[in-house]
């Protein structure tokens, strides 16, 4: 032809359908820690996120471009492992500057076992982000040598997804005998080593409420008349940890895109990202 390139020479460049797709499993996980004063007044709240890549032989010595999208600027602070990740730059637009940060990641060598989640980026969200995916309430009552704990969990009616694989774990203070536990629902498990009582539900729909009643006995050496003679002021504390899975959802609007830093359209290898998003809420 006029450019001196034969038509069959273009066959050397693979079409997108013939390129070797390298799977990249990226996970975004956020944790929200809430400390409530009374029944539902939040005295402190923090949200932290982690971006991880699952290791594999196919990713050894490969550079992966990670773009962290933060359209609503929920991220307040960000850090990364400099031995794995380097920041390439920031993509800005006029309406929302700094909403995209670009990184290059290179996973450790073959000494790392396959299918290991490698933490690449960590971030903390701004205090202006105050999501309420669930409301957790707990109430403690003492009657003689018995301690009763009522736990109520309500999924926010505004949620667009069910809470699935719900796990509730309650820590038991040392002055209570976990072997005496009685629960209002079947399926509860007492772990003597961890001193926790756990219970699970398959799913909780938006607006749905789950209630759980737990009763334990105090050890014989518990001071029932402590705290000025008022047992209520001496009531033990029961930290409640609520965990659940969500379908492609986070507490923030953060998202991740991947690609090859070279952006070579004729590159034989491409990355196929499979992302998972999850968040965990801890109520105390």
C-alpha atoms as a PDB file:
ATOM      1  CA  UNK A   1       0.000   0.000   0.000  1.00  0.00           C
ATOM      2  CA  UNK A   2       0.972   3.667  -0.034  1.00  0.00           C
ATOM      3  CA  UNK A   3       2.554   3.505   3.442  1.00  0.00           C
ATOM      4  CA  UNK A   4       4.609   0.489   2.540  1.00  0.00           C
ATOM      5  CA  UNK A   5       2.827  -1.774   5.033  1.00  0.00           C
ATOM      6  CA  UNK A   6       1.250  -4.936   3.756  1.00  0.00           C
ATOM      7  CA  UNK A   7      -2.280  -5.718   4.899  1.00  0.00           C
ATOM      8  CA  UNK A   8      -1.208  -9.034   6.428  1.00  0.00           C
ATOM      9  CA  UNK A   9       1.278  -7.242   8.687  1.00  0.00           C
ATOM     10  CA  UNK A  10      -1.619  -5.837  10.691  1.00  0.00           C
ATOM     11  CA  UNK A  11      -2.424  -9.418  11.699  1.00  0.00           C
ATOM     12  CA  UNK A  12       0.594  -9.240  14.035  1.00  0.00           C
ATOM     13  CA  UNK A  13      -1.364  -6.907  16.280  1.00  0.00           C
ATOM     14  CA  UNK A  14      -3.986  -8.860  18.244  1.00  0.00           C
ATOM     15  CA  UNK A  15      -7.539  -7.660  18.220  1.00  0.00           C
ATOM     16  CA  UNK A  16      -9.165  -6.998  21.600  1.00  0.00           C
ATOM     17  CA  UNK A  17     -10.979 -10.328  21.412  1.00  0.00           C
ATOM     18  CA  UNK A  18      -7.663 -12.196  20.918  1.00  0.00           C
ATOM     19  CA  UNK A  19      -5.705 -10.474  23.664  1.00  0.00           C
ATOM     20  CA  UNK A  20      -4.624 -12.395  26.721  1.00  0.00           C
ATOM     21  CA  UNK A  21      -6.817 -11.267  29.586  1.00  0.00           C
ATOM     22  CA  UNK A  22      -5.081 -11.311  32.971  1.00  0.00           C
ATOM     23  CA  UNK A  23      -7.579 -11.484  35.825  1.00  0.00           C
ATOM     24  CA  UNK A  24      -7.084  -8.965  38.623  1.00  0.00           C
ATOM     25  CA  UNK A  25      -9.154  -9.392  41.756  1.00  0.00           C
ATOM     26  CA  UNK A  26      -9.496  -6.052  43.518  1.00  0.00           C
ATOM     27  CA  UNK A  27     -11.339  -5.638  46.792  1.00  0.00           C
ATOM     28  CA  UNK A  28     -12.536  -2.440  48.425  1.00  0.00           C
ATOM     29  CA  UNK A  29     -13.414  -2.816  52.062  1.00  0.00           C
ATOM     30  CA  UNK A  30     -14.555  -0.142  54.484  1.00  0.00           C
ATOM     31  CA  UNK A  31     -15.022  -0.288  58.232  1.00  0.00           C
ATOM     32  CA  UNK A  32     -17.190   2.044  60.247  1.00  0.00           C
ATOM     33  CA  UNK A  33     -16.707   2.226  63.990  1.00  0.00           C
ATOM     34  CA  UNK A  34     -19.438   3.878  66.053  1.00  0.00           C
ATOM     35  CA  UNK A  35     -19.541   4.574  69.769  1.00  0.00           C
ATOM     36  CA  UNK A  36     -23.055   5.370  70.892  1.00  0.00           C
ATOM     37  CA  UNK A  37     -24.040   7.406  73.921  1.00  0.00           C
ATOM     38  CA  UNK A  38     -27.316   6.034  75.191  1.00  0.00           C
ATOM     39  CA  UNK A  39     -29.563   4.332  72.690  1.00  0.00           C
ATOM     40  CA  UNK A  40     -28.833   6.028  69.386  1.00  0.00           C
ATOM     41  CA  UNK A  41     -26.790   9.231  69.862  1.00  0.00           C
ATOM     42  CA  UNK A  42     -23.470   8.890  68.053  1.00  0.00           C
ATOM     43  CA  UNK A  43     -20.592  10.341  70.036  1.00  0.00           C
ATOM     44  CA  UNK A  44     -17.887   9.288  67.596  1.00  0.00           C
ATOM     45  CA  UNK A  45     -17.736   7.766  64.132  1.00  0.00           C
ATOM     46  CA  UNK A  46     -14.867   6.850  61.832  1.00  0.00           C
ATOM     47  CA  UNK A  47     -14.735   5.207  58.410  1.00  0.00           C
ATOM     48  CA  UNK A  48     -11.563   3.674  57.014  1.00  0.00           C
ATOM     49  CA  UNK A  49     -11.079   1.903  53.710  1.00  0.00           C
ATOM     50  CA  UNK A  50      -8.579  -0.548  52.227  1.00  0.00           C
ATOM     51  CA  UNK A  51      -7.897  -1.333  48.578  1.00  0.00           C
ATOM     52  CA  UNK A  52      -6.348  -4.784  48.117  1.00  0.00           C
ATOM     53  CA  UNK A  53      -5.226  -6.879  45.164  1.00  0.00           C
ATOM     54  CA  UNK A  54      -5.237 -10.659  45.333  1.00  0.00           C
ATOM     55  CA  UNK A  55      -1.823 -12.079  44.411  1.00  0.00           C
ATOM     56  CA  UNK A  56      -1.384 -14.577  41.578  1.00  0.00           C
ATOM     57  CA  UNK A  57       1.393 -15.986  39.407  1.00  0.00           C
ATOM     58  CA  UNK A  58      -0.024 -14.101  36.412  1.00  0.00           C
ATOM     59  CA  UNK A  59       0.535 -10.767  38.168  1.00  0.00           C
ATOM     60  CA  UNK A  60       4.184 -11.309  39.093  1.00  0.00           C
ATOM     61  CA  UNK A  61       6.381  -8.461  37.866  1.00  0.00           C
ATOM     62  CA  UNK A  62       3.361  -6.754  36.298  1.00  0.00           C
ATOM     63  CA  UNK A  63       2.642  -3.068  36.696  1.00  0.00           C
ATOM     64  CA  UNK A  64      -0.991  -2.301  37.328  1.00  0.00           C
ATOM     65  CA  UNK A  65      -2.477   1.147  37.054  1.00  0.00           C
ATOM     66  CA  UNK A  66      -4.980   1.934  39.807  1.00  0.00           C
ATOM     67  CA  UNK A  67      -7.236   4.970  39.584  1.00  0.00           C
ATOM     68  CA  UNK A  68      -9.008   5.844  42.807  1.00  0.00           C
ATOM     69  CA  UNK A  69     -12.212   7.716  42.034  1.00  0.00           C
ATOM     70  CA  UNK A  70     -13.610   9.931  44.759  1.00  0.00           C
ATOM     71  CA  UNK A  71     -16.421  11.892  43.069  1.00  0.00           C
ATOM     72  CA  UNK A  72     -17.903  13.273  46.295  1.00  0.00           C
ATOM     73  CA  UNK A  73     -14.505  13.812  47.944  1.00  0.00           C
ATOM     74  CA  UNK A  74     -15.240  11.542  50.877  1.00  0.00           C
ATOM     75  CA  UNK A  75     -11.533  10.733  51.355  1.00  0.00           C
ATOM     76  CA  UNK A  76      -9.838  12.919  53.936  1.00  0.00           C
ATOM     77  CA  UNK A  77      -6.478  11.129  54.321  1.00  0.00           C
ATOM     78  CA  UNK A  78      -4.773   8.523  52.147  1.00  0.00           C
ATOM     79  CA  UNK A  79      -1.663   6.358  52.524  1.00  0.00           C
ATOM     80  CA  UNK A  80      -0.089   3.475  50.612  1.00  0.00           C
ATOM     81  CA  UNK A  81       2.695   0.912  50.854  1.00  0.00           C
ATOM     82  CA  UNK A  82       5.589   2.582  49.025  1.00  0.00           C
ATOM     83  CA  UNK A  83       7.248  -0.786  48.405  1.00  0.00           C
ATOM     84  CA  UNK A  84       4.286  -1.814  46.265  1.00  0.00           C
ATOM     85  CA  UNK A  85       2.544   1.374  45.185  1.00  0.00           C
ATOM     86  CA  UNK A  86       3.665   4.708  43.795  1.00  0.00           C
ATOM     87  CA  UNK A  87       1.438   7.669  43.000  1.00  0.00           C
ATOM     88  CA  UNK A  88       1.569   8.663  39.352  1.00  0.00           C
ATOM     89  CA  UNK A  89      -0.553  11.768  39.432  1.00  0.00           C
ATOM     90  CA  UNK A  90      -3.948  13.353  39.930  1.00  0.00           C
ATOM     91  CA  UNK A  91      -6.685  13.735  37.380  1.00  0.00           C
ATOM     92  CA  UNK A  92      -8.854  16.764  37.958  1.00  0.00           C
ATOM     93  CA  UNK A  93     -11.898  18.327  36.423  1.00  0.00           C
ATOM     94  CA  UNK A  94     -13.303  21.774  36.826  1.00  0.00           C
ATOM     95  CA  UNK A  95     -16.361  20.801  38.834  1.00  0.00           C
ATOM     96  CA  UNK A  96     -14.619  18.482  41.281  1.00  0.00           C
ATOM     97  CA  UNK A  97     -10.835  18.895  41.452  1.00  0.00           C
ATOM     98  CA  UNK A  98      -8.763  16.079  42.878  1.00  0.00           C
ATOM     99  CA  UNK A  99     -11.479  13.450  42.545  1.00  0.00           C
ATOM    100  CA  UNK A 100      -9.186  10.998  40.739  1.00  0.00           C
ATOM    101  CA  UNK A 101      -5.765   9.843  41.954  1.00  0.00           C
ATOM    102  CA  UNK A 102      -3.674   7.524  39.791  1.00  0.00           C
ATOM    103  CA  UNK A 103      -1.280   4.917  41.230  1.00  0.00           C
ATOM    104  CA  UNK A 104       0.995   2.240  39.842  1.00  0.00           C
ATOM    105  CA  UNK A 105       1.115  -1.044  41.770  1.00  0.00           C
ATOM    106  CA  UNK A 106       3.577  -3.923  41.458  1.00  0.00           C
ATOM    107  CA  UNK A 107       2.937  -6.921  43.687  1.00  0.00           C
ATOM    108  CA  UNK A 108       5.772  -8.704  45.527  1.00  0.00           C
ATOM    109  CA  UNK A 109       7.608 -11.598  43.899  1.00  0.00           C
ATOM    110  CA  UNK A 110       6.777 -15.306  43.976  1.00  0.00           C
ATOM    111  CA  UNK A 111       7.636 -15.629  47.665  1.00  0.00           C
ATOM    112  CA  UNK A 112       4.123 -14.382  48.315  1.00  0.00           C
ATOM    113  CA  UNK A 113       1.553 -17.207  48.375  1.00  0.00           C
ATOM    114  CA  UNK A 114      -1.104 -17.076  45.666  1.00  0.00           C
ATOM    115  CA  UNK A 115      -4.557 -15.750  46.525  1.00  0.00           C
ATOM    116  CA  UNK A 116      -3.173 -13.505  49.246  1.00  0.00           C
ATOM    117  CA  UNK A 117      -4.883 -10.163  49.694  1.00  0.00           C
ATOM    118  CA  UNK A 118      -2.161  -7.538  49.370  1.00  0.00           C
ATOM    119  CA  UNK A 119      -3.133  -4.221  50.941  1.00  0.00           C
ATOM    120  CA  UNK A 120      -2.155  -1.442  48.558  1.00  0.00           C
ATOM    121  CA  UNK A 121      -4.013   1.722  49.563  1.00  0.00           C
ATOM    122  CA  UNK A 122      -5.587   2.845  52.824  1.00  0.00           C
ATOM    123  CA  UNK A 123      -7.803   5.863  53.307  1.00  0.00           C
ATOM    124  CA  UNK A 124      -9.815   7.597  55.999  1.00  0.00           C
ATOM    125  CA  UNK A 125     -13.080   9.304  55.169  1.00  0.00           C
ATOM    126  CA  UNK A 126     -14.061  12.793  56.158  1.00  0.00           C
ATOM    127  CA  UNK A 127     -16.182  13.377  59.260  1.00  0.00           C
ATOM    128  CA  UNK A 128     -18.820  14.878  56.979  1.00  0.00           C
ATOM    129  CA  UNK A 129     -19.672  11.347  55.778  1.00  0.00           C
ATOM    130  CA  UNK A 130     -22.183   9.970  58.281  1.00  0.00           C
ATOM    131  CA  UNK A 131     -23.998   7.005  56.713  1.00  0.00           C
ATOM    132  CA  UNK A 132     -26.527   5.012  58.719  1.00  0.00           C
ATOM    133  CA  UNK A 133     -26.964   1.639  56.968  1.00  0.00           C
ATOM    134  CA  UNK A 134     -28.178   0.034  60.194  1.00  0.00           C
ATOM    135  CA  UNK A 135     -29.267   1.076  63.658  1.00  0.00           C
ATOM    136  CA  UNK A 136     -27.987  -1.070  66.524  1.00  0.00           C
ATOM    137  CA  UNK A 137     -29.511  -0.691  69.950  1.00  0.00           C
ATOM    138  CA  UNK A 138     -28.641  -2.585  73.107  1.00  0.00           C
ATOM    139  CA  UNK A 139     -30.044  -2.454  76.599  1.00  0.00           C
ATOM    140  CA  UNK A 140     -28.765  -4.127  79.762  1.00  0.00           C
ATOM    141  CA  UNK A 141     -30.927  -5.103  82.734  1.00  0.00           C
ATOM    142  CA  UNK A 142     -29.758  -6.671  85.992  1.00  0.00           C
ATOM    143  CA  UNK A 143     -32.017  -8.777  88.188  1.00  0.00           C
ATOM    144  CA  UNK A 144     -30.269 -10.385  91.145  1.00  0.00           C
ATOM    145  CA  UNK A 145     -27.530 -12.635  89.800  1.00  0.00           C
ATOM    146  CA  UNK A 146     -28.885 -12.467  86.237  1.00  0.00           C
ATOM    147  CA  UNK A 147     -27.877 -10.088  83.486  1.00  0.00           C
ATOM    148  CA  UNK A 148     -30.169  -9.685  80.477  1.00  0.00           C
ATOM    149  CA  UNK A 149     -29.076  -8.027  77.246  1.00  0.00           C
ATOM    150  CA  UNK A 150     -31.546  -6.986  74.548  1.00  0.00           C
ATOM    151  CA  UNK A 151     -30.129  -6.305  71.078  1.00  0.00           C
ATOM    152  CA  UNK A 152     -32.166  -4.725  68.294  1.00  0.00           C
ATOM    153  CA  UNK A 153     -30.879  -4.333  64.739  1.00  0.00           C
ATOM    154  CA  UNK A 154     -32.820  -2.387  62.128  1.00  0.00           C
ATOM    155  CA  UNK A 155     -31.810  -2.029  58.507  1.00  0.00           C
ATOM    156  CA  UNK A 156     -32.237   1.482  57.159  1.00  0.00           C
ATOM    157  CA  UNK A 157     -35.428   1.617  55.029  1.00  0.00           C
ATOM    158  CA  UNK A 158     -33.490   3.788  52.558  1.00  0.00           C
ATOM    159  CA  UNK A 159     -31.039   0.950  51.819  1.00  0.00           C
ATOM    160  CA  UNK A 160     -31.175  -0.221  48.226  1.00  0.00           C
ATOM    161  CA  UNK A 161     -29.918  -3.710  49.065  1.00  0.00           C
ATOM    162  CA  UNK A 162     -30.479  -6.471  51.601  1.00  0.00           C
ATOM    163  CA  UNK A 163     -27.936  -7.100  54.319  1.00  0.00           C
ATOM    164  CA  UNK A 164     -26.869 -10.697  53.739  1.00  0.00           C
ATOM    165  CA  UNK A 165     -24.814 -13.166  55.770  1.00  0.00           C
ATOM    166  CA  UNK A 166     -25.450 -11.092  58.872  1.00  0.00           C
ATOM    167  CA  UNK A 167     -23.261 -12.013  61.854  1.00  0.00           C
ATOM    168  CA  UNK A 168     -23.707 -10.574  65.322  1.00  0.00           C
ATOM    169  CA  UNK A 169     -20.951 -11.032  67.870  1.00  0.00           C
ATOM    170  CA  UNK A 170     -21.185  -9.839  71.445  1.00  0.00           C
ATOM    171  CA  UNK A 171     -18.204  -9.776  73.810  1.00  0.00           C
ATOM    172  CA  UNK A 172     -18.873 -11.103  77.304  1.00  0.00           C
ATOM    173  CA  UNK A 173     -17.090  -9.402  80.242  1.00  0.00           C
ATOM    174  CA  UNK A 174     -14.995 -11.625  82.526  1.00  0.00           C
ATOM    175  CA  UNK A 175     -17.359 -11.293  85.496  1.00  0.00           C
ATOM    176  CA  UNK A 176     -20.097 -13.203  83.644  1.00  0.00           C
ATOM    177  CA  UNK A 177     -20.329 -16.953  83.118  1.00  0.00           C
ATOM    178  CA  UNK A 178     -20.740 -17.599  79.411  1.00  0.00           C
ATOM    179  CA  UNK A 179     -21.598 -21.238  80.019  1.00  0.00           C
ATOM    180  CA  UNK A 180     -24.947 -20.131  81.497  1.00  0.00           C
ATOM    181  CA  UNK A 181     -26.066 -18.260  78.387  1.00  0.00           C
ATOM    182  CA  UNK A 182     -29.668 -18.518  77.243  1.00  0.00           C
ATOM    183  CA  UNK A 183     -30.909 -16.922  74.032  1.00  0.00           C
ATOM    184  CA  UNK A 184     -34.332 -16.080  72.643  1.00  0.00           C
ATOM    185  CA  UNK A 185     -33.394 -17.464  69.234  1.00  0.00           C
ATOM    186  CA  UNK A 186     -31.773 -20.716  68.239  1.00  0.00           C
ATOM    187  CA  UNK A 187     -28.392 -20.873  66.577  1.00  0.00           C
ATOM    188  CA  UNK A 188     -26.368 -18.898  69.096  1.00  0.00           C
ATOM    189  CA  UNK A 189     -22.781 -20.009  69.798  1.00  0.00           C
ATOM    190  CA  UNK A 190     -20.675 -19.390  72.905  1.00  0.00           C
ATOM    191  CA  UNK A 191     -16.916 -19.268  72.245  1.00  0.00           C
ATOM    192  CA  UNK A 192     -15.091 -19.799  75.527  1.00  0.00           C
ATOM    193  CA  UNK A 193     -11.658 -18.932  74.128  1.00  0.00           C
ATOM    194  CA  UNK A 194     -12.764 -15.601  72.638  1.00  0.00           C
ATOM    195  CA  UNK A 195     -15.440 -15.015  75.274  1.00  0.00           C
ATOM    196  CA  UNK A 196     -17.994 -14.090  72.637  1.00  0.00           C
ATOM    197  CA  UNK A 197     -21.571 -15.003  71.845  1.00  0.00           C
ATOM    198  CA  UNK A 198     -22.390 -15.065  68.151  1.00  0.00           C
ATOM    199  CA  UNK A 199     -25.590 -15.376  66.172  1.00  0.00           C
ATOM    200  CA  UNK A 200     -26.285 -15.123  62.462  1.00  0.00           C
ATOM    201  CA  UNK A 201     -29.116 -14.366  60.073  1.00  0.00           C
ATOM    202  CA  UNK A 202     -29.193 -15.091  56.360  1.00  0.00           C
ATOM    203  CA  UNK A 203     -30.421 -11.635  55.441  1.00  0.00           C
ATOM    204  CA  UNK A 204     -32.133  -8.501  56.692  1.00  0.00           C
ATOM    205  CA  UNK A 205     -34.280  -6.577  54.237  1.00  0.00           C
ATOM    206  CA  UNK A 206     -34.429  -2.752  54.144  1.00  0.00           C
ATOM    207  CA  UNK A 207     -36.533  -1.541  57.072  1.00  0.00           C
ATOM    208  CA  UNK A 208     -36.589  -4.968  58.724  1.00  0.00           C
ATOM    209  CA  UNK A 209     -35.789  -5.372  62.431  1.00  0.00           C
ATOM    210  CA  UNK A 210     -34.120  -8.313  64.179  1.00  0.00           C
ATOM    211  CA  UNK A 211     -34.280  -8.657  67.961  1.00  0.00           C
ATOM    212  CA  UNK A 212     -32.231 -10.916  70.211  1.00  0.00           C
ATOM    213  CA  UNK A 213     -32.530 -11.504  73.957  1.00  0.00           C
ATOM    214  CA  UNK A 214     -29.537 -12.901  75.873  1.00  0.00           C
ATOM    215  CA  UNK A 215     -29.359 -13.909  79.537  1.00  0.00           C
ATOM    216  CA  UNK A 216     -26.250 -14.765  81.566  1.00  0.00           C
ATOM    217  CA  UNK A 217     -25.378 -15.319  85.208  1.00  0.00           C
ATOM    218  CA  UNK A 218     -22.812 -13.321  87.113  1.00  0.00           C
ATOM    219  CA  UNK A 219     -19.906 -15.015  88.811  1.00  0.00           C
ATOM    220  CA  UNK A 220     -20.311 -15.346  92.564  1.00  0.00           C
ATOM    221  CA  UNK A 221     -17.735 -12.622  93.221  1.00  0.00           C
ATOM    222  CA  UNK A 222     -19.596  -9.902  91.307  1.00  0.00           C
ATOM    223  CA  UNK A 223     -20.289  -6.807  93.431  1.00  0.00           C
ATOM    224  CA  UNK A 224     -24.007  -6.276  92.915  1.00  0.00           C
ATOM    225  CA  UNK A 225     -24.023  -3.145  95.091  1.00  0.00           C
ATOM    226  CA  UNK A 226     -21.056  -1.469  93.402  1.00  0.00           C
ATOM    227  CA  UNK A 227     -20.991   2.081  92.104  1.00  0.00           C
ATOM    228  CA  UNK A 228     -22.601   3.743  95.078  1.00  0.00           C
ATOM    229  CA  UNK A 229     -25.133   1.003  95.730  1.00  0.00           C
ATOM    230  CA  UNK A 230     -26.840   1.338  92.345  1.00  0.00           C
ATOM    231  CA  UNK A 231     -26.389  -1.823  90.223  1.00  0.00           C
ATOM    232  CA  UNK A 232     -27.382   0.107  87.082  1.00  0.00           C
ATOM    233  CA  UNK A 233     -24.266   2.264  87.398  1.00  0.00           C
ATOM    234  CA  UNK A 234     -22.163  -0.855  87.699  1.00  0.00           C
ATOM    235  CA  UNK A 235     -23.708  -2.666  84.733  1.00  0.00           C
ATOM    236  CA  UNK A 236     -21.164  -4.394  82.512  1.00  0.00           C
ATOM    237  CA  UNK A 237     -20.460  -3.219  78.989  1.00  0.00           C
ATOM    238  CA  UNK A 238     -21.252  -5.510  76.036  1.00  0.00           C
ATOM    239  CA  UNK A 239     -19.493  -4.438  72.812  1.00  0.00           C
ATOM    240  CA  UNK A 240     -21.548  -5.615  69.845  1.00  0.00           C
ATOM    241  CA  UNK A 241     -19.903  -6.257  66.502  1.00  0.00           C
ATOM    242  CA  UNK A 242     -22.217  -6.428  63.507  1.00  0.00           C
ATOM    243  CA  UNK A 243     -20.898  -7.807  60.249  1.00  0.00           C
ATOM    244  CA  UNK A 244     -22.751  -8.249  56.999  1.00  0.00           C
ATOM    245  CA  UNK A 245     -22.168  -8.560  53.282  1.00  0.00           C
ATOM    246  CA  UNK A 246     -23.502  -6.165  50.724  1.00  0.00           C
ATOM    247  CA  UNK A 247     -23.889  -6.449  46.993  1.00  0.00           C
ATOM    248  CA  UNK A 248     -21.389  -4.120  45.414  1.00  0.00           C
ATOM    249  CA  UNK A 249     -21.798  -1.380  48.000  1.00  0.00           C
ATOM    250  CA  UNK A 250     -19.593   0.831  50.140  1.00  0.00           C
ATOM    251  CA  UNK A 251     -20.262   3.456  52.763  1.00  0.00           C
ATOM    252  CA  UNK A 252     -18.512   6.075  50.623  1.00  0.00           C
ATOM    253  CA  UNK A 253     -18.592   6.832  46.897  1.00  0.00           C
ATOM    254  CA  UNK A 254     -14.982   5.646  46.393  1.00  0.00           C
ATOM    255  CA  UNK A 255     -14.355   3.382  43.398  1.00  0.00           C
ATOM    256  CA  UNK A 256     -11.362   1.826  41.626  1.00  0.00           C
ATOM    257  CA  UNK A 257     -10.425   1.425  37.969  1.00  0.00           C
ATOM    258  CA  UNK A 258      -7.466  -0.566  36.645  1.00  0.00           C
ATOM    259  CA  UNK A 259      -5.412  -0.585  33.474  1.00  0.00           C
ATOM    260  CA  UNK A 260      -1.888  -0.783  32.152  1.00  0.00           C
ATOM    261  CA  UNK A 261       0.277   2.300  32.758  1.00  0.00           C
ATOM    262  CA  UNK A 262       1.641   2.128  29.209  1.00  0.00           C
ATOM    263  CA  UNK A 263      -1.875   2.436  27.735  1.00  0.00           C
ATOM    264  CA  UNK A 264      -0.564   0.658  24.628  1.00  0.00           C
ATOM    265  CA  UNK A 265      -3.519  -0.175  22.399  1.00  0.00           C
ATOM    266  CA  UNK A 266      -1.494  -2.946  20.714  1.00  0.00           C
ATOM    267  CA  UNK A 267      -0.489  -4.581  24.027  1.00  0.00           C
ATOM    268  CA  UNK A 268      -1.110  -8.322  23.825  1.00  0.00           C
ATOM    269  CA  UNK A 269      -2.044  -8.553  27.513  1.00  0.00           C
ATOM    270  CA  UNK A 270      -4.925  -6.752  29.151  1.00  0.00           C
ATOM    271  CA  UNK A 271      -6.285  -6.737  32.667  1.00  0.00           C
ATOM    272  CA  UNK A 272      -9.774  -7.955  33.443  1.00  0.00           C
ATOM    273  CA  UNK A 273     -10.826  -6.597  36.819  1.00  0.00           C
ATOM    274  CA  UNK A 274     -13.201  -8.347  39.154  1.00  0.00           C
ATOM    275  CA  UNK A 275     -14.024  -6.051  42.033  1.00  0.00           C
ATOM    276  CA  UNK A 276     -15.693  -6.842  45.304  1.00  0.00           C
ATOM    277  CA  UNK A 277     -16.988  -4.221  47.708  1.00  0.00           C
ATOM    278  CA  UNK A 278     -17.909  -4.706  51.310  1.00  0.00           C
ATOM    279  CA  UNK A 279     -18.231  -2.801  54.522  1.00  0.00           C
ATOM    280  CA  UNK A 280     -18.350  -3.679  58.180  1.00  0.00           C
ATOM    281  CA  UNK A 281     -20.077  -1.797  60.954  1.00  0.00           C
ATOM    282  CA  UNK A 282     -18.996  -2.083  64.574  1.00  0.00           C
ATOM    283  CA  UNK A 283     -21.336  -0.816  67.235  1.00  0.00           C
ATOM    284  CA  UNK A 284     -20.171  -0.328  70.810  1.00  0.00           C
END
